[in-house]
Amino acid sequence: MIPLGRIIKNLLLVAAATVSLAAVSTHAGAATAEDLNKDAAQALEKLYQSNPAAEAVGKRAKAILVFPNIVKAGLIFGGAYGEGVLTKNKKFSGYYNSVTASWGWQAGAESYSYVVFLMSDKAVKYLDKSKGWEIGVGPNVVVVNEGVAKNLSSSTLKDDAYAFIFDQQGLMATLSIEGTKISPIKR
């Protein structure tokens, strides 16, 4: 049997993490369409400058989903939130949020950016028609790290989507987009 004091302590920790994340997500949700467009363009340019493989993938993508600022916080239970822009043919075509929930051994807070390159018409169609896309369900997403990026070429791009995570800042030991749901929003 778990001691009552430990249960209360864990509930307080969860409440603190939830309040912190809610405060951060409320601030992140205040961005205008113009702000999101500008931030997304800057984030994509930053990714391209730091990772030439990403730029090569971007040139072949049918659409690009850019989340310029995801904020993640957790203490046993955690979450992440951010808003982004979908571009098709270099034009802004929609706005989305990215929400992640997690639990386990974690503590801290961080921010990061990520870009998902949608490589097939099937992946773009799925995003357009779904009320929300949960990473891991639907089109296959390959999370690209430095080792994978070195081996990417036009002949190896076979998956529906490639995600690049970059510009991490903060104090959390792990980073993942598993369990993330991407949903359309109005701006």
Protein backbone atom coordinates (compact mmCIF):
# COMPACT_ATOMS: atom_id res chain seq x y z
CA MET A 1 0.00 0.00 0.00
CA ILE A 2 1.30 3.45 -0.93
CA PRO A 3 1.52 5.89 2.00
CA LEU A 4 -1.01 8.74 1.91
CA GLY A 5 1.74 11.36 2.25
CA ARG A 6 3.46 10.07 -0.89
CA ILE A 7 0.20 10.15 -2.85
CA ILE A 8 -0.48 13.74 -1.77
CA LYS A 9 3.09 14.77 -2.65
CA ASN A 10 2.77 13.21 -6.13
CA LEU A 11 -0.60 14.89 -6.70
CA LEU A 12 0.88 18.26 -5.72
CA LEU A 13 3.77 17.71 -8.12
CA VAL A 14 1.36 16.84 -10.93
CA ALA A 15 -0.75 19.91 -10.15
CA ALA A 16 2.34 22.15 -10.19
CA ALA A 17 3.48 20.73 -13.55
CA THR A 18 -0.03 21.13 -14.98
CA VAL A 19 -0.33 24.74 -13.79
CA SER A 20 3.13 25.56 -15.18
CA LEU A 21 2.31 24.02 -18.54
CA ALA A 22 -1.08 25.74 -18.68
CA ALA A 23 0.56 29.11 -18.01
CA VAL A 24 3.12 28.51 -20.74
CA SER A 25 0.56 27.22 -23.26
CA THR A 26 -1.73 30.19 -22.64
CA HIS A 27 1.15 32.51 -23.51
CA ALA A 28 2.10 30.40 -26.54
CA GLY A 29 -1.52 30.41 -27.74
CA ALA A 30 -1.61 34.20 -27.95
CA ALA A 31 0.46 34.36 -31.16
CA THR A 32 -1.20 35.98 -34.16
CA ALA A 33 -1.12 34.42 -37.62
CA GLU A 34 1.49 36.98 -38.66
CA ASP A 35 3.67 36.15 -35.65
CA LEU A 36 3.42 32.43 -36.34
CA ASN A 37 4.24 32.93 -40.03
CA LYS A 38 7.32 35.00 -39.19
CA ASP A 39 8.51 32.65 -36.43
CA ALA A 40 7.99 29.58 -38.61
CA ALA A 41 9.93 31.10 -41.52
CA GLN A 42 12.81 32.01 -39.18
CA ALA A 43 12.83 28.55 -37.58
CA LEU A 44 12.87 26.81 -40.94
CA GLU A 45 15.74 29.01 -42.11
CA LYS A 46 17.65 28.22 -38.90
CA LEU A 47 17.15 24.49 -39.47
CA TYR A 48 18.32 24.75 -43.08
CA GLN A 49 21.45 26.68 -42.04
CA SER A 50 22.37 24.11 -39.40
CA ASN A 51 21.39 20.98 -41.32
CA PRO A 52 21.85 20.81 -45.11
CA ALA A 53 20.09 17.42 -45.21
CA ALA A 54 16.93 19.10 -43.90
CA GLU A 55 17.04 21.61 -46.74
CA ALA A 56 17.39 18.78 -49.28
CA VAL A 57 14.38 17.03 -47.74
CA GLY A 58 12.46 20.32 -47.73
CA LYS A 59 12.95 20.75 -51.47
CA ARG A 60 11.22 17.41 -52.10
CA ALA A 61 8.44 17.79 -49.51
CA LYS A 62 4.81 18.16 -50.57
CA ALA A 63 4.15 20.26 -47.45
CA ILE A 64 6.11 21.42 -44.41
CA LEU A 65 4.75 21.71 -40.87
CA VAL A 66 6.88 24.05 -38.72
CA PHE A 67 6.58 24.36 -34.94
CA PRO A 68 8.97 27.20 -34.06
CA ASN A 69 8.57 26.99 -30.27
CA ILE A 70 7.47 23.98 -28.28
CA VAL A 71 7.62 24.34 -24.49
CA LYS A 72 7.93 21.15 -22.46
CA ALA A 73 7.72 20.84 -18.66
CA GLY A 74 7.44 17.86 -16.43
CA LEU A 75 7.88 16.41 -13.01
CA ILE A 76 6.93 12.74 -13.24
CA PHE A 77 3.93 13.80 -15.36
CA GLY A 78 4.62 16.30 -18.07
CA GLY A 79 3.45 17.90 -21.22
CA ALA A 80 4.49 20.03 -24.15
CA TYR A 81 2.64 22.60 -26.22
CA GLY A 82 3.31 24.82 -29.19
CA GLU A 83 1.71 26.23 -32.31
CA GLY A 84 2.87 25.97 -35.88
CA VAL A 85 2.26 26.64 -39.53
CA LEU A 86 1.70 24.37 -42.49
CA THR A 87 3.17 25.52 -45.80
CA LYS A 88 2.36 24.14 -49.22
CA ASN A 89 4.17 25.42 -52.30
CA LYS A 90 5.94 27.98 -50.07
CA LYS A 91 2.61 29.52 -49.02
CA PHE A 92 1.09 29.45 -45.53
CA SER A 93 -1.95 27.20 -45.68
CA GLY A 94 -2.97 26.36 -42.13
CA TYR A 95 -2.24 26.58 -38.43
CA TYR A 96 -1.83 23.71 -35.99
CA ASN A 97 -1.02 23.02 -32.38
CA SER A 98 1.21 20.27 -31.04
CA VAL A 99 0.26 18.75 -27.68
CA THR A 100 2.22 16.04 -25.89
CA ALA A 101 1.55 14.28 -22.62
CA SER A 102 4.08 12.07 -20.89
CA TRP A 103 4.79 10.32 -17.64
CA GLY A 104 7.73 8.56 -16.10
CA TRP A 105 11.08 9.61 -14.70
CA GLN A 106 11.33 13.22 -15.81
CA ALA A 107 11.93 16.59 -14.27
CA GLY A 108 12.64 19.97 -15.76
CA ALA A 109 11.60 22.28 -18.54
CA GLU A 110 12.85 23.00 -22.04
CA SER A 111 11.90 24.51 -25.33
CA TYR A 112 12.66 23.28 -28.81
CA SER A 113 11.55 23.58 -32.41
CA TYR A 114 10.56 20.87 -34.80
CA VAL A 115 9.69 20.57 -38.45
CA VAL A 116 7.77 17.75 -40.11
CA PHE A 117 8.35 17.34 -43.84
CA LEU A 118 5.33 15.65 -45.44
CA MET A 119 6.71 13.74 -48.40
CA SER A 120 3.63 12.15 -49.92
CA ASP A 121 0.22 13.28 -51.09
CA LYS A 122 -1.17 10.59 -48.77
CA ALA A 123 0.43 12.26 -45.71
CA VAL A 124 -0.79 15.73 -46.71
CA LYS A 125 -4.29 14.41 -47.35
CA TYR A 126 -4.32 12.64 -43.97
CA LEU A 127 -3.34 15.86 -42.18
CA ASP A 128 -5.94 17.89 -44.13
CA LYS A 129 -8.80 15.46 -43.50
CA SER A 130 -8.11 14.40 -39.91
CA LYS A 131 -9.31 16.40 -36.94
CA GLY A 132 -5.96 15.66 -35.37
CA TRP A 133 -2.93 13.60 -36.23
CA GLU A 134 -1.34 11.56 -33.51
CA ILE A 135 2.32 10.86 -34.25
CA GLY A 136 2.62 7.09 -34.45
CA VAL A 137 -0.86 6.69 -35.97
CA GLY A 138 -1.45 7.37 -39.65
CA PRO A 139 1.47 8.24 -41.91
CA ASN A 140 4.91 6.92 -40.90
CA VAL A 141 7.12 9.58 -39.34
CA VAL A 142 10.89 9.14 -39.15
CA VAL A 143 12.56 11.30 -36.50
CA VAL A 144 15.84 12.39 -38.03
CA ASN A 145 18.94 12.71 -35.88
CA GLU A 146 22.46 13.55 -37.06
CA GLY A 147 23.28 9.94 -37.92
CA VAL A 148 20.13 9.45 -39.99
CA ALA A 149 20.58 12.86 -41.66
CA LYS A 150 24.02 11.88 -42.98
CA ASN A 151 22.47 8.94 -44.83
CA LEU A 152 19.50 10.77 -46.37
CA SER A 153 19.47 11.21 -50.11
CA SER A 154 16.83 11.52 -52.80
CA SER A 155 16.94 7.74 -53.28
CA THR A 156 16.54 6.94 -49.56
CA LEU A 157 13.51 9.18 -48.93
CA LYS A 158 10.85 6.46 -48.81
CA ASP A 159 8.74 7.36 -45.78
CA ASP A 160 5.63 9.57 -45.54
CA ALA A 161 7.15 12.16 -43.19
CA TYR A 162 10.46 13.19 -41.65
CA ALA A 163 10.71 15.16 -38.40
CA PHE A 164 13.74 17.24 -37.43
CA ILE A 165 13.98 18.41 -33.81
CA PHE A 166 16.37 21.30 -33.20
CA ASP A 167 17.23 24.37 -31.12
CA GLN A 168 16.76 22.62 -27.76
CA GLN A 169 17.17 24.85 -24.71
CA GLY A 170 16.55 23.99 -21.10
CA LEU A 171 17.08 21.23 -18.60
CA MET A 172 15.39 17.97 -19.54
CA ALA A 173 17.23 14.78 -20.26
CA THR A 174 14.98 13.26 -22.91
CA LEU A 175 13.22 14.51 -26.02
CA SER A 176 10.63 12.74 -28.10
CA ILE A 177 7.62 13.54 -30.22
CA GLU A 178 5.99 10.18 -29.50
CA GLY A 179 2.53 10.66 -28.04
CA THR A 180 2.18 14.01 -29.78
CA LYS A 181 -1.11 15.07 -31.30
CA ILE A 182 -1.15 17.70 -34.02
CA SER A 183 -4.52 19.41 -34.48
CA PRO A 184 -5.78 22.27 -36.68
CA ILE A 185 -6.44 25.63 -35.01
CA LYS A 186 -7.88 28.92 -36.22
CA ARG A 187 -5.68 32.00 -36.51
